[in-house]
PDB file of N, CA and C in Angstrom:
ATOM      1  N   MET A   1       3.622 -24.685  77.534  1.00  0.00           N
ATOM      2  CA  MET A   1       2.570 -23.895  76.832  1.00  0.00           C
ATOM      3  C   MET A   1       2.728 -23.784  75.416  1.00  0.00           C
ATOM      4  N   THR A   2       1.626 -24.056  74.534  1.00  0.00           N
ATOM      5  CA  THR A   2       1.902 -23.851  73.130  1.00  0.00           C
ATOM      6  C   THR A   2       1.150 -22.824  72.645  1.00  0.00           C
ATOM      7  N   ARG A   3       1.884 -22.158  71.548  1.00  0.00           N
ATOM      8  CA  ARG A   3       1.379 -21.027  70.932  1.00  0.00           C
ATOM      9  C   ARG A   3       0.537 -21.373  69.670  1.00  0.00           C
ATOM     10  N   ALA A   4      -0.400 -20.652  69.308  1.00  0.00           N
ATOM     11  CA  ALA A   4      -1.232 -20.681  68.106  1.00  0.00           C
ATOM     12  C   ALA A   4      -0.294 -20.311  66.950  1.00  0.00           C
ATOM     13  N   PRO A   5      -0.242 -20.945  65.763  1.00  0.00           N
ATOM     14  CA  PRO A   5       0.232 -20.315  64.709  1.00  0.00           C
ATOM     15  C   PRO A   5      -0.400 -18.983  64.403  1.00  0.00           C
ATOM     16  N   PRO A   6       0.550 -18.221  63.652  1.00  0.00           N
ATOM     17  CA  PRO A   6       0.108 -16.854  63.266  1.00  0.00           C
ATOM     18  C   PRO A   6      -0.911 -17.291  62.110  1.00  0.00           C
ATOM     19  N   PRO A   7      -2.023 -16.156  62.131  1.00  0.00           N
ATOM     20  CA  PRO A   7      -3.056 -16.306  61.032  1.00  0.00           C
ATOM     21  C   PRO A   7      -2.315 -16.326  59.580  1.00  0.00           C
ATOM     22  N   ARG A   8      -2.706 -17.079  58.766  1.00  0.00           N
ATOM     23  CA  ARG A   8      -2.291 -16.963  57.383  1.00  0.00           C
ATOM     24  C   ARG A   8      -2.809 -15.864  56.731  1.00  0.00           C
ATOM     25  N   ARG A   9      -1.934 -15.213  55.871  1.00  0.00           N
ATOM     26  CA  ARG A   9      -2.368 -13.910  55.217  1.00  0.00           C
ATOM     27  C   ARG A   9      -2.594 -14.378  53.781  1.00  0.00           C
ATOM     28  N   ARG A  10      -3.489 -13.797  53.319  1.00  0.00           N
ATOM     29  CA  ARG A  10      -4.003 -13.989  51.985  1.00  0.00           C
ATOM     30  C   ARG A  10      -3.142 -13.129  50.943  1.00  0.00           C
ATOM     31  N   ALA A  11      -2.658 -13.762  49.790  1.00  0.00           N
ATOM     32  CA  ALA A  11      -1.754 -12.956  48.885  1.00  0.00           C
ATOM     33  C   ALA A  11      -2.705 -11.935  48.332  1.00  0.00           C
ATOM     34  N   HIS A  12      -2.473 -10.719  48.370  1.00  0.00           N
ATOM     35  CA  HIS A  12      -3.255  -9.651  47.727  1.00  0.00           C
ATOM     36  C   HIS A  12      -2.977  -9.766  46.371  1.00  0.00           C
ATOM     37  N   ARG A  13      -4.081  -9.594  45.604  1.00  0.00           N
ATOM     38  CA  ARG A  13      -3.918  -9.452  44.344  1.00  0.00           C
ATOM     39  C   ARG A  13      -4.332  -7.994  43.924  1.00  0.00           C
ATOM     40  N   HIS A  14      -3.394  -7.393  43.375  1.00  0.00           N
ATOM     41  CA  HIS A  14      -3.455  -5.928  43.141  1.00  0.00           C
ATOM     42  C   HIS A  14      -4.648  -5.879  41.723  1.00  0.00           C
ATOM     43  N   ARG A  15      -5.775  -5.458  41.990  1.00  0.00           N
ATOM     44  CA  ARG A  15      -6.719  -5.094  41.110  1.00  0.00           C
ATOM     45  C   ARG A  15      -6.896  -3.768  40.784  1.00  0.00           C
ATOM     46  N   ARG A  16      -6.903  -3.319  39.504  1.00  0.00           N
ATOM     47  CA  ARG A  16      -7.007  -1.907  39.221  1.00  0.00           C
ATOM     48  C   ARG A  16      -8.254  -1.460  39.680  1.00  0.00           C
ATOM     49  N   ILE A  17      -8.211  -0.123  40.420  1.00  0.00           N
ATOM     50  CA  ILE A  17      -9.159   0.571  40.886  1.00  0.00           C
ATOM     51  C   ILE A  17      -9.773   1.676  39.814  1.00  0.00           C
ATOM     52  N   ASP A  18     -10.994   1.564  39.412  1.00  0.00           N
ATOM     53  CA  ASP A  18     -11.323   2.640  38.478  1.00  0.00           C
ATOM     54  C   ASP A  18     -11.924   3.833  39.129  1.00  0.00           C
ATOM     55  N   ARG A  19     -11.928   4.837  38.554  1.00  0.00           N
ATOM     56  CA  ARG A  19     -12.398   6.120  39.275  1.00  0.00           C
ATOM     57  C   ARG A  19     -13.324   6.897  38.269  1.00  0.00           C
ATOM     58  N   LEU A  20     -14.460   7.149  38.398  1.00  0.00           N
ATOM     59  CA  LEU A  20     -15.258   7.861  37.473  1.00  0.00           C
ATOM     60  C   LEU A  20     -15.604   9.149  38.289  1.00  0.00           C
ATOM     61  N   VAL A  21     -15.620  10.195  37.536  1.00  0.00           N
ATOM     62  CA  VAL A  21     -16.280  11.455  38.087  1.00  0.00           C
ATOM     63  C   VAL A  21     -17.451  11.840  37.283  1.00  0.00           C
ATOM     64  N   LEU A  22     -18.698  11.912  37.865  1.00  0.00           N
ATOM     65  CA  LEU A  22     -19.794  12.099  37.154  1.00  0.00           C
ATOM     66  C   LEU A  22     -20.473  13.437  37.459  1.00  0.00           C
ATOM     67  N   PRO A  23     -20.667  14.147  36.535  1.00  0.00           N
ATOM     68  CA  PRO A  23     -21.601  15.409  36.882  1.00  0.00           C
ATOM     69  C   PRO A  23     -22.895  15.160  37.351  1.00  0.00           C
ATOM     70  N   VAL A  24     -23.298  15.742  38.423  1.00  0.00           N
ATOM     71  CA  VAL A  24     -24.771  15.500  38.860  1.00  0.00           C
ATOM     72  C   VAL A  24     -25.524  16.861  38.891  1.00  0.00           C
ATOM     73  N   GLN A  25     -26.508  16.811  38.208  1.00  0.00           N
ATOM     74  CA  GLN A  25     -27.383  18.114  38.164  1.00  0.00           C
ATOM     75  C   GLN A  25     -28.770  17.939  38.963  1.00  0.00           C
ATOM     76  N   GLY A  26     -29.033  19.049  39.772  1.00  0.00           N
ATOM     77  CA  GLY A  26     -30.190  19.080  40.510  1.00  0.00           C
ATOM     78  C   GLY A  26     -29.947  18.995  41.959  1.00  0.00           C
ATOM     79  N   MET A  27     -28.780  18.958  42.435  1.00  0.00           N
ATOM     80  CA  MET A  27     -28.603  18.833  43.843  1.00  0.00           C
ATOM     81  C   MET A  27     -28.476  20.445  44.354  1.00  0.00           C
ATOM     82  N   THR A  28     -29.274  20.541  45.565  1.00  0.00           N
ATOM     83  CA  THR A  28     -29.380  22.037  46.066  1.00  0.00           C
ATOM     84  C   THR A  28     -29.040  21.955  47.597  1.00  0.00           C
ATOM     85  N   CYS A  29     -28.834  20.839  48.212  1.00  0.00           N
ATOM     86  CA  CYS A  29     -28.488  21.007  49.493  1.00  0.00           C
ATOM     87  C   CYS A  29     -27.717  19.593  50.025  1.00  0.00           C
ATOM     88  N   ALA A  30     -27.367  19.677  51.154  1.00  0.00           N
ATOM     89  CA  ALA A  30     -26.597  18.522  51.951  1.00  0.00           C
ATOM     90  C   ALA A  30     -27.394  17.174  51.895  1.00  0.00           C
ATOM     91  N   SER A  31     -28.626  17.418  51.982  1.00  0.00           N
ATOM     92  CA  SER A  31     -29.684  16.164  51.953  1.00  0.00           C
ATOM     93  C   SER A  31     -29.413  15.535  50.571  1.00  0.00           C
ATOM     94  N   CYS A  32     -29.478  16.338  49.407  1.00  0.00           N
ATOM     95  CA  CYS A  32     -29.301  15.969  48.143  1.00  0.00           C
ATOM     96  C   CYS A  32     -27.902  15.170  48.030  1.00  0.00           C
ATOM     97  N   VAL A  33     -27.078  15.812  48.537  1.00  0.00           N
ATOM     98  CA  VAL A  33     -25.617  15.055  48.451  1.00  0.00           C
ATOM     99  C   VAL A  33     -25.633  13.615  49.203  1.00  0.00           C
ATOM    100  N   ALA A  34     -26.347  13.448  50.339  1.00  0.00           N
ATOM    101  CA  ALA A  34     -26.601  12.233  50.995  1.00  0.00           C
ATOM    102  C   ALA A  34     -27.405  11.178  50.063  1.00  0.00           C
ATOM    103  N   HIS A  35     -28.436  11.662  49.656  1.00  0.00           N
ATOM    104  CA  HIS A  35     -29.253  10.877  48.733  1.00  0.00           C
ATOM    105  C   HIS A  35     -28.580  10.296  47.366  1.00  0.00           C
ATOM    106  N   VAL A  36     -27.526  11.124  46.820  1.00  0.00           N
ATOM    107  CA  VAL A  36     -26.725  10.713  45.719  1.00  0.00           C
ATOM    108  C   VAL A  36     -25.813   9.666  46.244  1.00  0.00           C
ATOM    109  N   GLU A  37     -25.154   9.833  47.262  1.00  0.00           N
ATOM    110  CA  GLU A  37     -24.014   9.299  47.955  1.00  0.00           C
ATOM    111  C   GLU A  37     -24.596   7.829  48.125  1.00  0.00           C
ATOM    112  N   LYS A  38     -25.660   7.628  48.917  1.00  0.00           N
ATOM    113  CA  LYS A  38     -26.211   6.438  49.223  1.00  0.00           C
ATOM    114  C   LYS A  38     -26.729   5.668  47.885  1.00  0.00           C
ATOM    115  N   ALA A  39     -27.252   6.247  46.900  1.00  0.00           N
ATOM    116  CA  ALA A  39     -27.823   5.626  45.817  1.00  0.00           C
ATOM    117  C   ALA A  39     -26.611   4.991  45.030  1.00  0.00           C
ATOM    118  N   LEU A  40     -25.454   5.776  44.747  1.00  0.00           N
ATOM    119  CA  LEU A  40     -24.234   5.168  44.237  1.00  0.00           C
ATOM    120  C   LEU A  40     -23.515   4.131  44.944  1.00  0.00           C
ATOM    121  N   ALA A  41     -23.479   4.210  46.335  1.00  0.00           N
ATOM    122  CA  ALA A  41     -22.875   3.259  47.063  1.00  0.00           C
ATOM    123  C   ALA A  41     -23.466   1.826  47.127  1.00  0.00           C
ATOM    124  N   ARG A  42     -24.811   1.774  46.796  1.00  0.00           N
ATOM    125  CA  ARG A  42     -25.584   0.461  46.511  1.00  0.00           C
ATOM    126  C   ARG A  42     -25.167  -0.111  44.945  1.00  0.00           C
ATOM    127  N   VAL A  43     -24.372   0.551  44.279  1.00  0.00           N
ATOM    128  CA  VAL A  43     -24.153  -0.168  42.922  1.00  0.00           C
ATOM    129  C   VAL A  43     -22.943  -1.171  43.124  1.00  0.00           C
ATOM    130  N   PRO A  44     -23.318  -2.182  42.618  1.00  0.00           N
ATOM    131  CA  PRO A  44     -22.244  -3.299  42.587  1.00  0.00           C
ATOM    132  C   PRO A  44     -20.852  -2.851  42.237  1.00  0.00           C
ATOM    133  N   GLY A  45     -19.810  -3.130  42.821  1.00  0.00           N
ATOM    134  CA  GLY A  45     -18.417  -2.604  42.501  1.00  0.00           C
ATOM    135  C   GLY A  45     -17.908  -1.374  43.167  1.00  0.00           C
ATOM    136  N   VAL A  46     -18.900  -0.680  43.511  1.00  0.00           N
ATOM    137  CA  VAL A  46     -18.520   0.602  44.067  1.00  0.00           C
ATOM    138  C   VAL A  46     -17.898   0.608  45.530  1.00  0.00           C
ATOM    139  N   GLU A  47     -16.718   0.990  45.642  1.00  0.00           N
ATOM    140  CA  GLU A  47     -16.059   1.014  47.190  1.00  0.00           C
ATOM    141  C   GLU A  47     -16.031   2.311  47.824  1.00  0.00           C
ATOM    142  N   ARG A  48     -16.085   3.410  47.153  1.00  0.00           N
ATOM    143  CA  ARG A  48     -15.811   4.800  47.820  1.00  0.00           C
ATOM    144  C   ARG A  48     -16.595   5.739  46.895  1.00  0.00           C
ATOM    145  N   VAL A  49     -17.421   6.524  47.454  1.00  0.00           N
ATOM    146  CA  VAL A  49     -18.194   7.572  46.894  1.00  0.00           C
ATOM    147  C   VAL A  49     -17.986   8.923  47.737  1.00  0.00           C
ATOM    148  N   ALA A  50     -17.659  10.012  46.854  1.00  0.00           N
ATOM    149  CA  ALA A  50     -17.623  11.330  47.424  1.00  0.00           C
ATOM    150  C   ALA A  50     -18.379  12.422  46.496  1.00  0.00           C
ATOM    151  N   VAL A  51     -19.422  13.061  46.906  1.00  0.00           N
ATOM    152  CA  VAL A  51     -20.228  13.692  46.354  1.00  0.00           C
ATOM    153  C   VAL A  51     -19.901  15.277  46.728  1.00  0.00           C
ATOM    154  N   ASN A  52     -19.827  16.261  45.907  1.00  0.00           N
ATOM    155  CA  ASN A  52     -19.443  17.516  46.131  1.00  0.00           C
ATOM    156  C   ASN A  52     -20.551  18.465  45.558  1.00  0.00           C
ATOM    157  N   LEU A  53     -21.343  19.170  46.515  1.00  0.00           N
ATOM    158  CA  LEU A  53     -22.433  20.155  46.132  1.00  0.00           C
ATOM    159  C   LEU A  53     -21.846  21.011  45.347  1.00  0.00           C
ATOM    160  N   ALA A  54     -20.700  21.775  45.715  1.00  0.00           N
ATOM    161  CA  ALA A  54     -20.269  23.011  45.053  1.00  0.00           C
ATOM    162  C   ALA A  54     -19.726  22.713  43.560  1.00  0.00           C
ATOM    163  N   THR A  55     -19.243  21.528  43.298  1.00  0.00           N
ATOM    164  CA  THR A  55     -18.820  21.466  42.045  1.00  0.00           C
ATOM    165  C   THR A  55     -19.755  20.516  41.111  1.00  0.00           C
ATOM    166  N   GLU A  56     -20.730  20.057  42.048  1.00  0.00           N
ATOM    167  CA  GLU A  56     -22.146  19.154  41.186  1.00  0.00           C
ATOM    168  C   GLU A  56     -21.412  18.090  40.692  1.00  0.00           C
ATOM    169  N   SER A  57     -20.545  17.190  41.361  1.00  0.00           N
ATOM    170  CA  SER A  57     -19.890  16.141  40.898  1.00  0.00           C
ATOM    171  C   SER A  57     -19.930  15.068  41.926  1.00  0.00           C
ATOM    172  N   ALA A  58     -19.872  13.680  41.338  1.00  0.00           N
ATOM    173  CA  ALA A  58     -19.598  12.529  42.452  1.00  0.00           C
ATOM    174  C   ALA A  58     -18.425  11.843  41.923  1.00  0.00           C
ATOM    175  N   ALA A  59     -17.461  11.728  42.794  1.00  0.00           N
ATOM    176  CA  ALA A  59     -16.242  10.716  42.369  1.00  0.00           C
ATOM    177  C   ALA A  59     -16.497   9.486  42.958  1.00  0.00           C
ATOM    178  N   VAL A  60     -16.447   8.335  42.051  1.00  0.00           N
ATOM    179  CA  VAL A  60     -16.915   7.077  42.299  1.00  0.00           C
ATOM    180  C   VAL A  60     -15.546   6.343  42.121  1.00  0.00           C
ATOM    181  N   GLU A  61     -15.248   5.285  43.153  1.00  0.00           N
ATOM    182  CA  GLU A  61     -14.151   4.372  43.112  1.00  0.00           C
ATOM    183  C   GLU A  61     -14.544   3.028  43.228  1.00  0.00           C
ATOM    184  N   GLY A  62     -13.967   2.138  42.467  1.00  0.00           N
ATOM    185  CA  GLY A  62     -14.315   0.752  42.622  1.00  0.00           C
ATOM    186  C   GLY A  62     -13.762  -0.148  41.621  1.00  0.00           C
ATOM    187  N   HIS A  63     -14.360  -1.295  41.530  1.00  0.00           N
ATOM    188  CA  HIS A  63     -13.817  -2.293  40.532  1.00  0.00           C
ATOM    189  C   HIS A  63     -14.910  -2.684  39.396  1.00  0.00           C
ATOM    190  N   ALA A  64     -14.534  -2.647  38.297  1.00  0.00           N
ATOM    191  CA  ALA A  64     -15.455  -2.884  37.217  1.00  0.00           C
ATOM    192  C   ALA A  64     -16.769  -2.041  37.258  1.00  0.00           C
ATOM    193  N   LEU A  65     -16.514  -0.822  37.363  1.00  0.00           N
ATOM    194  CA  LEU A  65     -17.668   0.133  37.463  1.00  0.00           C
ATOM    195  C   LEU A  65     -18.482   0.215  36.170  1.00  0.00           C
ATOM    196  N   ASP A  66     -19.778   0.322  36.205  1.00  0.00           N
ATOM    197  CA  ASP A  66     -20.695   0.228  35.161  1.00  0.00           C
ATOM    198  C   ASP A  66     -21.203   1.644  34.925  1.00  0.00           C
ATOM    199  N   THR A  67     -20.807   2.409  34.030  1.00  0.00           N
ATOM    200  CA  THR A  67     -21.477   3.768  34.120  1.00  0.00           C
ATOM    201  C   THR A  67     -22.945   3.701  33.834  1.00  0.00           C
ATOM    202  N   PRO A  68     -23.720   2.988  32.968  1.00  0.00           N
ATOM    203  CA  PRO A  68     -24.881   2.995  32.853  1.00  0.00           C
ATOM    204  C   PRO A  68     -25.630   2.573  34.215  1.00  0.00           C
ATOM    205  N   SER A  69     -25.181   1.852  35.021  1.00  0.00           N
ATOM    206  CA  SER A  69     -25.793   1.616  36.265  1.00  0.00           C
ATOM    207  C   SER A  69     -25.547   2.678  37.305  1.00  0.00           C
ATOM    208  N   LEU A  70     -24.391   3.190  37.323  1.00  0.00           N
ATOM    209  CA  LEU A  70     -24.292   4.614  37.980  1.00  0.00           C
ATOM    210  C   LEU A  70     -25.173   5.666  37.690  1.00  0.00           C
ATOM    211  N   THR A  71     -25.413   5.705  36.396  1.00  0.00           N
ATOM    212  CA  THR A  71     -26.423   6.941  35.910  1.00  0.00           C
ATOM    213  C   THR A  71     -27.727   6.768  36.425  1.00  0.00           C
ATOM    214  N   ARG A  72     -28.064   5.305  36.259  1.00  0.00           N
ATOM    215  CA  ARG A  72     -29.436   4.805  36.488  1.00  0.00           C
ATOM    216  C   ARG A  72     -29.734   5.146  38.005  1.00  0.00           C
ATOM    217  N   ALA A  73     -28.770   4.818  38.838  1.00  0.00           N
ATOM    218  CA  ALA A  73     -28.899   4.966  40.338  1.00  0.00           C
ATOM    219  C   ALA A  73     -29.043   6.525  40.771  1.00  0.00           C
ATOM    220  N   VAL A  74     -28.239   7.349  39.825  1.00  0.00           N
ATOM    221  CA  VAL A  74     -28.432   8.756  40.218  1.00  0.00           C
ATOM    222  C   VAL A  74     -29.815   9.316  39.538  1.00  0.00           C
ATOM    223  N   ASP A  75     -30.251   8.829  38.572  1.00  0.00           N
ATOM    224  CA  ASP A  75     -31.637   9.165  38.039  1.00  0.00           C
ATOM    225  C   ASP A  75     -32.679   8.534  39.023  1.00  0.00           C
ATOM    226  N   ALA A  76     -32.699   7.370  39.539  1.00  0.00           N
ATOM    227  CA  ALA A  76     -33.744   6.916  40.433  1.00  0.00           C
ATOM    228  C   ALA A  76     -33.624   7.748  41.597  1.00  0.00           C
ATOM    229  N   ALA A  77     -32.542   8.252  42.044  1.00  0.00           N
ATOM    230  CA  ALA A  77     -32.568   9.144  43.274  1.00  0.00           C
ATOM    231  C   ALA A  77     -33.211  10.498  43.068  1.00  0.00           C
ATOM    232  N   GLY A  78     -33.535  10.900  41.688  1.00  0.00           N
ATOM    233  CA  GLY A  78     -34.074  12.042  41.437  1.00  0.00           C
ATOM    234  C   GLY A  78     -33.170  13.030  40.843  1.00  0.00           C
ATOM    235  N   TYR A  79     -31.978  12.948  40.440  1.00  0.00           N
ATOM    236  CA  TYR A  79     -31.139  13.950  39.927  1.00  0.00           C
ATOM    237  C   TYR A  79     -30.845  13.318  38.492  1.00  0.00           C
ATOM    238  N   SER A  80     -29.841  14.076  37.853  1.00  0.00           N
ATOM    239  CA  SER A  80     -29.456  13.646  36.441  1.00  0.00           C
ATOM    240  C   SER A  80     -27.929  13.814  36.315  1.00  0.00           C
ATOM    241  N   VAL A  81     -27.414  12.919  35.361  1.00  0.00           N
ATOM    242  CA  VAL A  81     -25.929  12.860  34.955  1.00  0.00           C
ATOM    243  C   VAL A  81     -25.894  13.108  33.416  1.00  0.00           C
ATOM    244  N   PRO A  82     -25.440  14.484  32.972  1.00  0.00           N
ATOM    245  CA  PRO A  82     -25.336  14.752  31.621  1.00  0.00           C
ATOM    246  C   PRO A  82     -23.988  13.717  31.148  1.00  0.00           C
ATOM    247  N   MET A  83     -24.294  12.934  30.197  1.00  0.00           N
ATOM    248  CA  MET A  83     -23.488  11.914  29.721  1.00  0.00           C
ATOM    249  C   MET A  83     -22.193  12.286  29.130  1.00  0.00           C
ATOM    250  N   GLN A  84     -22.346  13.522  28.290  1.00  0.00           N
ATOM    251  CA  GLN A  84     -21.233  13.955  27.465  1.00  0.00           C
ATOM    252  C   GLN A  84     -20.199  14.236  28.276  1.00  0.00           C
ATOM    253  N   THR A  85     -20.093  14.582  29.681  1.00  0.00           N
ATOM    254  CA  THR A  85     -18.978  14.928  30.500  1.00  0.00           C
ATOM    255  C   THR A  85     -18.342  14.002  31.457  1.00  0.00           C
ATOM    256  N   ILE A  86     -18.676  12.666  31.120  1.00  0.00           N
ATOM    257  CA  ILE A  86     -18.164  11.789  32.298  1.00  0.00           C
ATOM    258  C   ILE A  86     -16.556  11.573  31.895  1.00  0.00           C
ATOM    259  N   ARG A  87     -15.889  11.504  32.929  1.00  0.00           N
ATOM    260  CA  ARG A  87     -14.252  11.311  32.846  1.00  0.00           C
ATOM    261  C   ARG A  87     -13.851  10.051  33.625  1.00  0.00           C
ATOM    262  N   LEU A  88     -13.192   9.307  32.921  1.00  0.00           N
ATOM    263  CA  LEU A  88     -12.753   8.018  33.394  1.00  0.00           C
ATOM    264  C   LEU A  88     -11.201   8.257  33.863  1.00  0.00           C
ATOM    265  N   GLU A  89     -10.782   7.819  34.995  1.00  0.00           N
ATOM    266  CA  GLU A  89      -9.426   7.806  35.548  1.00  0.00           C
ATOM    267  C   GLU A  89      -9.151   6.464  36.034  1.00  0.00           C
ATOM    268  N   SER A  90      -7.893   6.020  35.771  1.00  0.00           N
ATOM    269  CA  SER A  90      -7.495   4.654  36.449  1.00  0.00           C
ATOM    270  C   SER A  90      -6.250   4.905  37.251  1.00  0.00           C
ATOM    271  N   LYS A  91      -6.546   4.292  38.407  1.00  0.00           N
ATOM    272  CA  LYS A  91      -5.395   4.435  39.381  1.00  0.00           C
ATOM    273  C   LYS A  91      -4.495   3.014  39.234  1.00  0.00           C
ATOM    274  N   ALA A  92      -3.390   2.986  39.260  1.00  0.00           N
ATOM    275  CA  ALA A  92      -2.459   1.889  39.101  1.00  0.00           C
ATOM    276  C   ALA A  92      -2.210   1.209  40.477  1.00  0.00           C
TER     277      ALA A  92
END
């Protein structure tokens, strides 16, 4: 009986993950949170989204995040992002 060779593992390249915390104005309920999460999740490069109604913010993680695209997605969903308070964090 012959064994199949183990699957080859790809070398992981450690890419930097960006983290943006966007303030989001106009959310009033859990449905609003879901709309914002879905809108942000569709933006290219986004890997994770967590929207918090209490703090009126959206934490977005991904690669090569584009702030204008994220802002447009929130605007298109019917909410707003005040630009002067965007905070960029980097995970190593």
